[in-house]
Amino acid sequence: MSQNTVTRAQLSEAVYQEVGLSRNESADLVESILDEISDALARGEMVKISSFGSFQVRSKGERVGRNPKTGEEVPILPRRVLVFRASHVLKSRINEGLNAVEAAQARVKAAS
């Protein structure tokens, strides 16, 4: 599995290539979308992107954890965490890509 990361600059470049806006307008568009998503999540709202997935902030209560080295009990403070749930469309697309990679690897192995 590759460890590549998609960056804001790459997203802006993709918008520039696909939509035809200027590079600056593409960067501004990507930035405004990410800002809107961040602001909505900070307000505690759920963000749903059709055919992609949904982002939601959940609150975790205080609980007791353990230090794995010492076994000492340590309180874990309450916090908010971000949760992402992929849509069925995205899951299917990921699995189709995985199946295509596995099929290609099988063909290469059979040819050698």
PDB file of N, CA and C in Angstrom:
ATOM      1  N   MET A   1       0.837  -1.169   0.000  1.00  0.00           N
ATOM      2  CA  MET A   1       0.000   0.000   0.000  1.00  0.00           C
ATOM      3  C   MET A   1       0.886   1.237   0.000  1.00  0.00           C
ATOM      4  N   SER A   2       0.590   2.193  -0.850  1.00  0.00           N
ATOM      5  CA  SER A   2       1.423   3.387  -0.945  1.00  0.00           C
ATOM      6  C   SER A   2       1.085   4.351   0.189  1.00  0.00           C
ATOM      7  N   GLN A   3       2.050   5.186   0.518  1.00  0.00           N
ATOM      8  CA  GLN A   3       1.885   6.156   1.598  1.00  0.00           C
ATOM      9  C   GLN A   3       1.766   7.576   1.039  1.00  0.00           C
ATOM     10  N   ASN A   4       1.171   7.740  -0.125  1.00  0.00           N
ATOM     11  CA  ASN A   4       1.023   9.053  -0.727  1.00  0.00           C
ATOM     12  C   ASN A   4      -0.053   9.847  -0.013  1.00  0.00           C
ATOM     13  N   THR A   5       0.121  11.151   0.010  1.00  0.00           N
ATOM     14  CA  THR A   5      -0.831  12.049   0.642  1.00  0.00           C
ATOM     15  C   THR A   5      -1.300  13.070  -0.386  1.00  0.00           C
ATOM     16  N   VAL A   6      -2.591  13.333  -0.405  1.00  0.00           N
ATOM     17  CA  VAL A   6      -3.134  14.367  -1.275  1.00  0.00           C
ATOM     18  C   VAL A   6      -3.104  15.677  -0.497  1.00  0.00           C
ATOM     19  N   THR A   7      -2.501  16.697  -1.086  1.00  0.00           N
ATOM     20  CA  THR A   7      -2.336  17.987  -0.421  1.00  0.00           C
ATOM     21  C   THR A   7      -3.336  19.007  -0.961  1.00  0.00           C
ATOM     22  N   ARG A   8      -3.437  20.138  -0.276  1.00  0.00           N
ATOM     23  CA  ARG A   8      -4.298  21.229  -0.744  1.00  0.00           C
ATOM     24  C   ARG A   8      -3.848  21.704  -2.118  1.00  0.00           C
ATOM     25  N   ALA A   9      -2.539  21.773  -2.305  1.00  0.00           N
ATOM     26  CA  ALA A   9      -2.009  22.218  -3.601  1.00  0.00           C
ATOM     27  C   ALA A   9      -2.434  21.257  -4.718  1.00  0.00           C
ATOM     28  N   GLN A  10      -2.425  19.967  -4.436  1.00  0.00           N
ATOM     29  CA  GLN A  10      -2.853  18.989  -5.441  1.00  0.00           C
ATOM     30  C   GLN A  10      -4.341  19.095  -5.720  1.00  0.00           C
ATOM     31  N   LEU A  11      -5.131  19.338  -4.685  1.00  0.00           N
ATOM     32  CA  LEU A  11      -6.567  19.538  -4.890  1.00  0.00           C
ATOM     33  C   LEU A  11      -6.816  20.784  -5.736  1.00  0.00           C
ATOM     34  N   SER A  12      -6.097  21.858  -5.439  1.00  0.00           N
ATOM     35  CA  SER A  12      -6.237  23.089  -6.217  1.00  0.00           C
ATOM     36  C   SER A  12      -5.842  22.862  -7.667  1.00  0.00           C
ATOM     37  N   GLU A  13      -4.775  22.124  -7.889  1.00  0.00           N
ATOM     38  CA  GLU A  13      -4.322  21.834  -9.249  1.00  0.00           C
ATOM     39  C   GLU A  13      -5.356  20.995  -9.991  1.00  0.00           C
ATOM     40  N   ALA A  14      -5.987  20.044  -9.294  1.00  0.00           N
ATOM     41  CA  ALA A  14      -7.020  19.214  -9.917  1.00  0.00           C
ATOM     42  C   ALA A  14      -8.227  20.066 -10.315  1.00  0.00           C
ATOM     43  N   VAL A  15      -8.616  21.000  -9.458  1.00  0.00           N
ATOM     44  CA  VAL A  15      -9.724  21.903  -9.788  1.00  0.00           C
ATOM     45  C   VAL A  15      -9.329  22.762 -10.988  1.00  0.00           C
ATOM     46  N   TYR A  16      -8.103  23.251 -10.990  1.00  0.00           N
ATOM     47  CA  TYR A  16      -7.606  24.058 -12.105  1.00  0.00           C
ATOM     48  C   TYR A  16      -7.690  23.270 -13.415  1.00  0.00           C
ATOM     49  N   GLN A  17      -7.259  22.017 -13.407  1.00  0.00           N
ATOM     50  CA  GLN A  17      -7.258  21.177 -14.613  1.00  0.00           C
ATOM     51  C   GLN A  17      -8.672  20.841 -15.068  1.00  0.00           C
ATOM     52  N   GLU A  18      -9.553  20.504 -14.119  1.00  0.00           N
ATOM     53  CA  GLU A  18     -10.901  20.020 -14.461  1.00  0.00           C
ATOM     54  C   GLU A  18     -11.888  21.139 -14.775  1.00  0.00           C
ATOM     55  N   VAL A  19     -11.858  22.210 -13.992  1.00  0.00           N
ATOM     56  CA  VAL A  19     -12.874  23.249 -14.101  1.00  0.00           C
ATOM     57  C   VAL A  19     -12.427  24.384 -15.020  1.00  0.00           C
ATOM     58  N   GLY A  20     -11.146  24.654 -15.030  1.00  0.00           N
ATOM     59  CA  GLY A  20     -10.653  25.714 -15.898  1.00  0.00           C
ATOM     60  C   GLY A  20     -10.579  27.071 -15.238  1.00  0.00           C
ATOM     61  N   LEU A  21     -10.764  27.136 -13.935  1.00  0.00           N
ATOM     62  CA  LEU A  21     -10.557  28.393 -13.222  1.00  0.00           C
ATOM     63  C   LEU A  21      -9.061  28.688 -13.194  1.00  0.00           C
ATOM     64  N   SER A  22      -8.707  29.913 -12.862  1.00  0.00           N
ATOM     65  CA  SER A  22      -7.286  30.225 -12.716  1.00  0.00           C
ATOM     66  C   SER A  22      -6.736  29.473 -11.509  1.00  0.00           C
ATOM     67  N   ARG A  23      -5.427  29.397 -11.414  1.00  0.00           N
ATOM     68  CA  ARG A  23      -4.822  28.686 -10.277  1.00  0.00           C
ATOM     69  C   ARG A  23      -5.192  29.360  -8.955  1.00  0.00           C
ATOM     70  N   ASN A  24      -5.188  30.695  -8.948  1.00  0.00           N
ATOM     71  CA  ASN A  24      -5.553  31.416  -7.722  1.00  0.00           C
ATOM     72  C   ASN A  24      -7.013  31.186  -7.356  1.00  0.00           C
ATOM     73  N   GLU A  25      -7.902  31.244  -8.332  1.00  0.00           N
ATOM     74  CA  GLU A  25      -9.326  30.997  -8.067  1.00  0.00           C
ATOM     75  C   GLU A  25      -9.543  29.558  -7.601  1.00  0.00           C
ATOM     76  N   SER A  26      -8.820  28.613  -8.186  1.00  0.00           N
ATOM     77  CA  SER A  26      -8.936  27.211  -7.773  1.00  0.00           C
ATOM     78  C   SER A  26      -8.487  27.033  -6.330  1.00  0.00           C
ATOM     79  N   ALA A  27      -7.368  27.661  -5.977  1.00  0.00           N
ATOM     80  CA  ALA A  27      -6.866  27.579  -4.600  1.00  0.00           C
ATOM     81  C   ALA A  27      -7.862  28.211  -3.636  1.00  0.00           C
ATOM     82  N   ASP A  28      -8.431  29.355  -4.014  1.00  0.00           N
ATOM     83  CA  ASP A  28      -9.425  30.025  -3.167  1.00  0.00           C
ATOM     84  C   ASP A  28     -10.674  29.162  -2.990  1.00  0.00           C
ATOM     85  N   LEU A  29     -11.098  28.493  -4.059  1.00  0.00           N
ATOM     86  CA  LEU A  29     -12.273  27.632  -3.989  1.00  0.00           C
ATOM     87  C   LEU A  29     -12.043  26.465  -3.038  1.00  0.00           C
ATOM     88  N   VAL A  30     -10.915  25.797  -3.182  1.00  0.00           N
ATOM     89  CA  VAL A  30     -10.588  24.672  -2.299  1.00  0.00           C
ATOM     90  C   VAL A  30     -10.510  25.156  -0.860  1.00  0.00           C
ATOM     91  N   GLU A  31      -9.864  26.290  -0.652  1.00  0.00           N
ATOM     92  CA  GLU A  31      -9.714  26.844   0.690  1.00  0.00           C
ATOM     93  C   GLU A  31     -11.069  27.185   1.304  1.00  0.00           C
ATOM     94  N   SER A  32     -11.972  27.768   0.527  1.00  0.00           N
ATOM     95  CA  SER A  32     -13.286  28.147   1.060  1.00  0.00           C
ATOM     96  C   SER A  32     -14.127  26.906   1.384  1.00  0.00           C
ATOM     97  N   ILE A  33     -14.006  25.859   0.587  1.00  0.00           N
ATOM     98  CA  ILE A  33     -14.734  24.616   0.877  1.00  0.00           C
ATOM     99  C   ILE A  33     -14.226  24.003   2.175  1.00  0.00           C
ATOM    100  N   LEU A  34     -12.912  23.920   2.324  1.00  0.00           N
ATOM    101  CA  LEU A  34     -12.344  23.345   3.551  1.00  0.00           C
ATOM    102  C   LEU A  34     -12.682  24.198   4.771  1.00  0.00           C
ATOM    103  N   ASP A  35     -12.674  25.522   4.610  1.00  0.00           N
ATOM    104  CA  ASP A  35     -13.054  26.410   5.715  1.00  0.00           C
ATOM    105  C   ASP A  35     -14.506  26.193   6.125  1.00  0.00           C
ATOM    106  N   GLU A  36     -15.389  26.062   5.148  1.00  0.00           N
ATOM    107  CA  GLU A  36     -16.811  25.856   5.448  1.00  0.00           C
ATOM    108  C   GLU A  36     -17.027  24.531   6.178  1.00  0.00           C
ATOM    109  N   ILE A  37     -16.340  23.484   5.733  1.00  0.00           N
ATOM    110  CA  ILE A  37     -16.445  22.180   6.398  1.00  0.00           C
ATOM    111  C   ILE A  37     -15.929  22.294   7.832  1.00  0.00           C
ATOM    112  N   SER A  38     -14.762  22.929   8.007  1.00  0.00           N
ATOM    113  CA  SER A  38     -14.178  23.092   9.346  1.00  0.00           C
ATOM    114  C   SER A  38     -15.087  23.891  10.271  1.00  0.00           C
ATOM    115  N   ASP A  39     -15.637  24.984   9.759  1.00  0.00           N
ATOM    116  CA  ASP A  39     -16.518  25.824  10.570  1.00  0.00           C
ATOM    117  C   ASP A  39     -17.772  25.070  11.002  1.00  0.00           C
ATOM    118  N   ALA A  40     -18.355  24.311  10.085  1.00  0.00           N
ATOM    119  CA  ALA A  40     -19.560  23.541  10.417  1.00  0.00           C
ATOM    120  C   ALA A  40     -19.252  22.498  11.494  1.00  0.00           C
ATOM    121  N   LEU A  41     -18.119  21.830  11.372  1.00  0.00           N
ATOM    122  CA  LEU A  41     -17.746  20.820  12.366  1.00  0.00           C
ATOM    123  C   LEU A  41     -17.454  21.466  13.716  1.00  0.00           C
ATOM    124  N   ALA A  42     -16.823  22.636  13.705  1.00  0.00           N
ATOM    125  CA  ALA A  42     -16.537  23.346  14.957  1.00  0.00           C
ATOM    126  C   ALA A  42     -17.831  23.749  15.664  1.00  0.00           C
ATOM    127  N   ARG A  43     -18.895  24.024  14.879  1.00  0.00           N
ATOM    128  CA  ARG A  43     -20.202  24.348  15.466  1.00  0.00           C
ATOM    129  C   ARG A  43     -20.946  23.092  15.927  1.00  0.00           C
ATOM    130  N   GLY A  44     -20.382  21.919  15.674  1.00  0.00           N
ATOM    131  CA  GLY A  44     -21.014  20.671  16.092  1.00  0.00           C
ATOM    132  C   GLY A  44     -21.989  20.111  15.084  1.00  0.00           C
ATOM    133  N   GLU A  45     -21.985  20.648  13.871  1.00  0.00           N
ATOM    134  CA  GLU A  45     -22.894  20.169  12.831  1.00  0.00           C
ATOM    135  C   GLU A  45     -22.282  18.978  12.097  1.00  0.00           C
ATOM    136  N   MET A  46     -23.164  18.139  11.544  1.00  0.00           N
ATOM    137  CA  MET A  46     -22.706  17.032  10.718  1.00  0.00           C
ATOM    138  C   MET A  46     -22.529  17.544   9.287  1.00  0.00           C
ATOM    139  N   VAL A  47     -21.484  17.082   8.614  1.00  0.00           N
ATOM    140  CA  VAL A  47     -21.234  17.457   7.222  1.00  0.00           C
ATOM    141  C   VAL A  47     -21.374  16.199   6.367  1.00  0.00           C
ATOM    142  N   LYS A  48     -22.341  16.212   5.448  1.00  0.00           N
ATOM    143  CA  LYS A  48     -22.549  15.096   4.533  1.00  0.00           C
ATOM    144  C   LYS A  48     -22.179  15.530   3.126  1.00  0.00           C
ATOM    145  N   ILE A  49     -21.340  14.744   2.484  1.00  0.00           N
ATOM    146  CA  ILE A  49     -20.969  14.993   1.096  1.00  0.00           C
ATOM    147  C   ILE A  49     -21.471  13.799   0.297  1.00  0.00           C
ATOM    148  N   SER A  50     -22.445  14.038  -0.542  1.00  0.00           N
ATOM    149  CA  SER A  50     -23.099  12.980  -1.290  1.00  0.00           C
ATOM    150  C   SER A  50     -22.083  12.128  -2.054  1.00  0.00           C
ATOM    151  N   SER A  51     -22.251  10.833  -2.020  1.00  0.00           N
ATOM    152  CA  SER A  51     -21.404   9.849  -2.695  1.00  0.00           C
ATOM    153  C   SER A  51     -19.976   9.830  -2.165  1.00  0.00           C
ATOM    154  N   PHE A  52     -19.735  10.483  -1.049  1.00  0.00           N
ATOM    155  CA  PHE A  52     -18.398  10.474  -0.445  1.00  0.00           C
ATOM    156  C   PHE A  52     -18.458   9.973   0.990  1.00  0.00           C
ATOM    157  N   GLY A  53     -19.192  10.686   1.844  1.00  0.00           N
ATOM    158  CA  GLY A  53     -19.305  10.257   3.232  1.00  0.00           C
ATOM    159  C   GLY A  53     -19.766  11.390   4.118  1.00  0.00           C
ATOM    160  N   SER A  54     -19.737  11.140   5.427  1.00  0.00           N
ATOM    161  CA  SER A  54     -20.167  12.161   6.369  1.00  0.00           C
ATOM    162  C   SER A  54     -19.146  12.299   7.492  1.00  0.00           C
ATOM    163  N   PHE A  55     -19.001  13.543   7.937  1.00  0.00           N
ATOM    164  CA  PHE A  55     -18.123  13.883   9.051  1.00  0.00           C
ATOM    165  C   PHE A  55     -19.011  14.303  10.207  1.00  0.00           C
ATOM    166  N   GLN A  56     -18.644  13.860  11.406  1.00  0.00           N
ATOM    167  CA  GLN A  56     -19.433  14.211  12.581  1.00  0.00           C
ATOM    168  C   GLN A  56     -18.502  14.355  13.773  1.00  0.00           C
ATOM    169  N   VAL A  57     -18.819  15.299  14.661  1.00  0.00           N
ATOM    170  CA  VAL A  57     -18.066  15.467  15.900  1.00  0.00           C
ATOM    171  C   VAL A  57     -18.837  14.758  17.001  1.00  0.00           C
ATOM    172  N   ARG A  58     -18.135  13.911  17.739  1.00  0.00           N
ATOM    173  CA  ARG A  58     -18.749  13.200  18.861  1.00  0.00           C
ATOM    174  C   ARG A  58     -18.032  13.584  20.141  1.00  0.00           C
ATOM    175  N   SER A  59     -18.784  13.596  21.225  1.00  0.00           N
ATOM    176  CA  SER A  59     -18.200  13.889  22.532  1.00  0.00           C
ATOM    177  C   SER A  59     -17.922  12.594  23.261  1.00  0.00           C
ATOM    178  N   LYS A  60     -16.719  12.499  23.803  1.00  0.00           N
ATOM    179  CA  LYS A  60     -16.352  11.347  24.623  1.00  0.00           C
ATOM    180  C   LYS A  60     -16.277  11.817  26.068  1.00  0.00           C
ATOM    181  N   GLY A  61     -16.840  11.049  26.943  1.00  0.00           N
ATOM    182  CA  GLY A  61     -16.840  11.409  28.352  1.00  0.00           C
ATOM    183  C   GLY A  61     -15.520  11.067  29.018  1.00  0.00           C
ATOM    184  N   GLU A  62     -15.393  11.523  30.251  1.00  0.00           N
ATOM    185  CA  GLU A  62     -14.188  11.199  31.018  1.00  0.00           C
ATOM    186  C   GLU A  62     -14.190   9.716  31.314  1.00  0.00           C
ATOM    187  N   ARG A  63     -13.005   9.124  31.275  1.00  0.00           N
ATOM    188  CA  ARG A  63     -12.893   7.701  31.570  1.00  0.00           C
ATOM    189  C   ARG A  63     -11.526   7.434  32.177  1.00  0.00           C
ATOM    190  N   VAL A  64     -11.363   6.214  32.645  1.00  0.00           N
ATOM    191  CA  VAL A  64     -10.102   5.818  33.262  1.00  0.00           C
ATOM    192  C   VAL A  64      -9.333   4.955  32.276  1.00  0.00           C
ATOM    193  N   GLY A  65      -8.077   5.304  32.060  1.00  0.00           N
ATOM    194  CA  GLY A  65      -7.205   4.511  31.208  1.00  0.00           C
ATOM    195  C   GLY A  65      -6.036   3.990  32.021  1.00  0.00           C
ATOM    196  N   ARG A  66      -5.202   3.203  31.386  1.00  0.00           N
ATOM    197  CA  ARG A  66      -4.031   2.652  32.069  1.00  0.00           C
ATOM    198  C   ARG A  66      -2.768   2.962  31.287  1.00  0.00           C
ATOM    199  N   ASN A  67      -1.727   3.281  32.030  1.00  0.00           N
ATOM    200  CA  ASN A  67      -0.410   3.422  31.435  1.00  0.00           C
ATOM    201  C   ASN A  67       0.081   2.012  31.123  1.00  0.00           C
ATOM    202  N   PRO A  68       0.344   1.685  29.851  1.00  0.00           N
ATOM    203  CA  PRO A  68       0.721   0.309  29.514  1.00  0.00           C
ATOM    204  C   PRO A  68       2.040  -0.138  30.143  1.00  0.00           C
ATOM    205  N   LYS A  69       2.946   0.795  30.417  1.00  0.00           N
ATOM    206  CA  LYS A  69       4.232   0.411  31.014  1.00  0.00           C
ATOM    207  C   LYS A  69       4.099   0.106  32.497  1.00  0.00           C
ATOM    208  N   THR A  70       3.401   0.981  33.213  1.00  0.00           N
ATOM    209  CA  THR A  70       3.357   0.851  34.673  1.00  0.00           C
ATOM    210  C   THR A  70       2.069   0.214  35.173  1.00  0.00           C
ATOM    211  N   GLY A  71       1.032   0.209  34.354  1.00  0.00           N
ATOM    212  CA  GLY A  71      -0.259  -0.305  34.797  1.00  0.00           C
ATOM    213  C   GLY A  71      -1.017   0.685  35.655  1.00  0.00           C
ATOM    214  N   GLU A  72      -0.454   1.875  35.844  1.00  0.00           N
ATOM    215  CA  GLU A  72      -1.080   2.897  36.679  1.00  0.00           C
ATOM    216  C   GLU A  72      -2.331   3.445  35.997  1.00  0.00           C
ATOM    217  N   GLU A  73      -3.402   3.614  36.772  1.00  0.00           N
ATOM    218  CA  GLU A  73      -4.630   4.186  36.241  1.00  0.00           C
ATOM    219  C   GLU A  73      -4.459   5.699  36.071  1.00  0.00           C
ATOM    220  N   VAL A  74      -4.924   6.199  34.911  1.00  0.00           N
ATOM    221  CA  VAL A  74      -4.793   7.615  34.586  1.00  0.00           C
ATOM    222  C   VAL A  74      -6.143   8.104  34.071  1.00  0.00           C
ATOM    223  N   PRO A  75      -6.644   9.237  34.574  1.00  0.00           N
ATOM    224  CA  PRO A  75      -7.910   9.751  34.043  1.00  0.00           C
ATOM    225  C   PRO A  75      -7.714  10.332  32.634  1.00  0.00           C
ATOM    226  N   ILE A  76      -8.629   9.995  31.732  1.00  0.00           N
ATOM    227  CA  ILE A  76      -8.632  10.560  30.394  1.00  0.00           C
ATOM    228  C   ILE A  76      -9.749  11.593  30.372  1.00  0.00           C
ATOM    229  N   LEU A  77      -9.388  12.829  30.085  1.00  0.00           N
ATOM    230  CA  LEU A  77     -10.343  13.938  30.153  1.00  0.00           C
ATOM    231  C   LEU A  77     -11.372  13.862  29.026  1.00  0.00           C
ATOM    232  N   PRO A  78     -12.547  14.459  29.242  1.00  0.00           N
ATOM    233  CA  PRO A  78     -13.551  14.486  28.167  1.00  0.00           C
ATOM    234  C   PRO A  78     -13.017  15.264  26.976  1.00  0.00           C
ATOM    235  N   ARG A  79     -13.437  14.871  25.789  1.00  0.00           N
ATOM    236  CA  ARG A  79     -12.964  15.546  24.578  1.00  0.00           C
ATOM    237  C   ARG A  79     -13.940  15.319  23.447  1.00  0.00           C
ATOM    238  N   ARG A  80     -13.724  16.051  22.384  1.00  0.00           N
ATOM    239  CA  ARG A  80     -14.531  15.886  21.173  1.00  0.00           C
ATOM    240  C   ARG A  80     -13.633  15.263  20.112  1.00  0.00           C
ATOM    241  N   VAL A  81     -14.172  14.305  19.376  1.00  0.00           N
ATOM    242  CA  VAL A  81     -13.403  13.633  18.333  1.00  0.00           C
ATOM    243  C   VAL A  81     -14.160  13.715  17.008  1.00  0.00           C
ATOM    244  N   LEU A  82     -13.414  13.710  15.930  1.00  0.00           N
ATOM    245  CA  LEU A  82     -13.985  13.751  14.593  1.00  0.00           C
ATOM    246  C   LEU A  82     -14.114  12.327  14.064  1.00  0.00           C
ATOM    247  N   VAL A  83     -15.296  12.016  13.538  1.00  0.00           N
ATOM    248  CA  VAL A  83     -15.567  10.689  12.997  1.00  0.00           C
ATOM    249  C   VAL A  83     -15.962  10.829  11.538  1.00  0.00           C
ATOM    250  N   PHE A  84     -15.409   9.971  10.691  1.00  0.00           N
ATOM    251  CA  PHE A  84     -15.771   9.958   9.272  1.00  0.00           C
ATOM    252  C   PHE A  84     -16.379   8.613   8.941  1.00  0.00           C
ATOM    253  N   ARG A  85     -17.519   8.637   8.256  1.00  0.00           N
ATOM    254  CA  ARG A  85     -18.152   7.417   7.760  1.00  0.00           C
ATOM    255  C   ARG A  85     -18.242   7.506   6.254  1.00  0.00           C
ATOM    256  N   ALA A  86     -17.608   6.566   5.590  1.00  0.00           N
ATOM    257  CA  ALA A  86     -17.618   6.560   4.126  1.00  0.00           C
ATOM    258  C   ALA A  86     -18.985   6.129   3.621  1.00  0.00           C
ATOM    259  N   SER A  87     -19.399   6.703   2.491  1.00  0.00           N
ATOM    260  CA  SER A  87     -20.672   6.310   1.880  1.00  0.00           C
ATOM    261  C   SER A  87     -20.506   4.959   1.200  1.00  0.00           C
ATOM    262  N   HIS A  88     -21.619   4.329   0.883  1.00  0.00           N
ATOM    263  CA  HIS A  88     -21.580   3.045   0.183  1.00  0.00           C
ATOM    264  C   HIS A  88     -20.937   3.197  -1.188  1.00  0.00           C
ATOM    265  N   VAL A  89     -21.168   4.340  -1.817  1.00  0.00           N
ATOM    266  CA  VAL A  89     -20.570   4.596  -3.138  1.00  0.00           C
ATOM    267  C   VAL A  89     -19.046   4.620  -3.023  1.00  0.00           C
ATOM    268  N   LEU A  90     -18.510   5.327  -2.023  1.00  0.00           N
ATOM    269  CA  LEU A  90     -17.065   5.402  -1.832  1.00  0.00           C
ATOM    270  C   LEU A  90     -16.498   4.033  -1.472  1.00  0.00           C
ATOM    271  N   LYS A  91     -17.187   3.312  -0.592  1.00  0.00           N
ATOM    272  CA  LYS A  91     -16.717   1.972  -0.221  1.00  0.00           C
ATOM    273  C   LYS A  91     -16.649   1.055  -1.433  1.00  0.00           C
ATOM    274  N   SER A  92     -17.665   1.115  -2.281  1.00  0.00           N
ATOM    275  CA  SER A  92     -17.676   0.288  -3.490  1.00  0.00           C
ATOM    276  C   SER A  92     -16.528   0.671  -4.413  1.00  0.00           C
ATOM    277  N   ARG A  93     -16.302   1.959  -4.558  1.00  0.00           N
ATOM    278  CA  ARG A  93     -15.229   2.434  -5.435  1.00  0.00           C
ATOM    279  C   ARG A  93     -13.856   1.987  -4.922  1.00  0.00           C
ATOM    280  N   ILE A  94     -13.667   2.037  -3.610  1.00  0.00           N
ATOM    281  CA  ILE A  94     -12.409   1.595  -3.011  1.00  0.00           C
ATOM    282  C   ILE A  94     -12.218   0.102  -3.233  1.00  0.00           C
ATOM    283  N   ASN A  95     -13.272  -0.669  -3.023  1.00  0.00           N
ATOM    284  CA  ASN A  95     -13.173  -2.113  -3.198  1.00  0.00           C
ATOM    285  C   ASN A  95     -12.963  -2.501  -4.653  1.00  0.00           C
ATOM    286  N   GLU A  96     -13.571  -1.762  -5.582  1.00  0.00           N
ATOM    287  CA  GLU A  96     -13.342  -2.030  -7.003  1.00  0.00           C
ATOM    288  C   GLU A  96     -11.876  -1.775  -7.348  1.00  0.00           C
ATOM    289  N   GLY A  97     -11.312  -0.717  -6.808  1.00  0.00           N
ATOM    290  CA  GLY A  97      -9.900  -0.416  -7.030  1.00  0.00           C
ATOM    291  C   GLY A  97      -9.006  -1.489  -6.451  1.00  0.00           C
ATOM    292  N   LEU A  98      -9.354  -1.988  -5.275  1.00  0.00           N
ATOM    293  CA  LEU A  98      -8.587  -3.058  -4.647  1.00  0.00           C
ATOM    294  C   LEU A  98      -8.656  -4.324  -5.489  1.00  0.00           C
ATOM    295  N   ASN A  99      -9.853  -4.644  -5.986  1.00  0.00           N
ATOM    296  CA  ASN A  99     -10.010  -5.834  -6.825  1.00  0.00           C
ATOM    297  C   ASN A  99      -9.209  -5.709  -8.116  1.00  0.00           C
ATOM    298  N   ALA A 100      -9.152  -4.512  -8.692  1.00  0.00           N
ATOM    299  CA  ALA A 100      -8.390  -4.294  -9.919  1.00  0.00           C
ATOM    300  C   ALA A 100      -6.896  -4.468  -9.659  1.00  0.00           C
ATOM    301  N   VAL A 101      -6.417  -3.968  -8.526  1.00  0.00           N
ATOM    302  CA  VAL A 101      -5.001  -4.113  -8.177  1.00  0.00           C
ATOM    303  C   VAL A 101      -4.664  -5.581  -7.966  1.00  0.00           C
ATOM    304  N   GLU A 102      -5.522  -6.303  -7.250  1.00  0.00           N
ATOM    305  CA  GLU A 102      -5.279  -7.726  -7.008  1.00  0.00           C
ATOM    306  C   GLU A 102      -5.284  -8.521  -8.307  1.00  0.00           C
ATOM    307  N   ALA A 103      -6.186  -8.177  -9.222  1.00  0.00           N
ATOM    308  CA  ALA A 103      -6.240  -8.866 -10.513  1.00  0.00           C
ATOM    309  C   ALA A 103      -4.968  -8.603 -11.311  1.00  0.00           C
ATOM    310  N   ALA A 104      -4.483  -7.365 -11.289  1.00  0.00           N
ATOM    311  CA  ALA A 104      -3.252  -7.022 -12.003  1.00  0.00           C
ATOM    312  C   ALA A 104      -2.059  -7.757 -11.404  1.00  0.00           C
ATOM    313  N   GLN A 105      -2.009  -7.843 -10.082  1.00  0.00           N
ATOM    314  CA  GLN A 105      -0.915  -8.557  -9.421  1.00  0.00           C
ATOM    315  C   GLN A 105      -0.965 -10.044  -9.776  1.00  0.00           C
ATOM    316  N   ALA A 106      -2.155 -10.615  -9.856  1.00  0.00           N
ATOM    317  CA  ALA A 106      -2.303 -12.025 -10.216  1.00  0.00           C
ATOM    318  C   ALA A 106      -1.831 -12.263 -11.649  1.00  0.00           C
ATOM    319  N   ARG A 107      -2.151 -11.331 -12.560  1.00  0.00           N
ATOM    320  CA  ARG A 107      -1.700 -11.467 -13.962  1.00  0.00           C
ATOM    321  C   ARG A 107      -0.181 -11.405 -14.044  1.00  0.00           C
ATOM    322  N   VAL A 108       0.447 -10.493 -13.294  1.00  0.00           N
ATOM    323  CA  VAL A 108       1.904 -10.365 -13.305  1.00  0.00           C
ATOM    324  C   VAL A 108       2.535 -11.635 -12.743  1.00  0.00           C
ATOM    325  N   LYS A 109       1.973 -12.158 -11.675  1.00  0.00           N
ATOM    326  CA  LYS A 109       2.506 -13.369 -11.046  1.00  0.00           C
ATOM    327  C   LYS A 109       2.364 -14.563 -11.991  1.00  0.00           C
ATOM    328  N   ALA A 110       1.244 -14.656 -12.694  1.00  0.00           N
ATOM    329  CA  ALA A 110       1.018 -15.772 -13.618  1.00  0.00           C
ATOM    330  C   ALA A 110       1.959 -15.689 -14.819  1.00  0.00           C
ATOM    331  N   ALA A 111       2.285 -14.473 -15.247  1.00  0.00           N
ATOM    332  CA  ALA A 111       3.147 -14.293 -16.414  1.00  0.00           C
ATOM    333  C   ALA A 111       4.610 -14.610 -16.100  1.00  0.00           C
ATOM    334  N   SER A 112       4.986 -14.573 -14.837  1.00  0.00           N
ATOM    335  CA  SER A 112       6.394 -14.808 -14.477  1.00  0.00           C
ATOM    336  C   SER A 112       6.680 -16.237 -14.113  1.00  0.00           C
TER     337      SER A 112
END
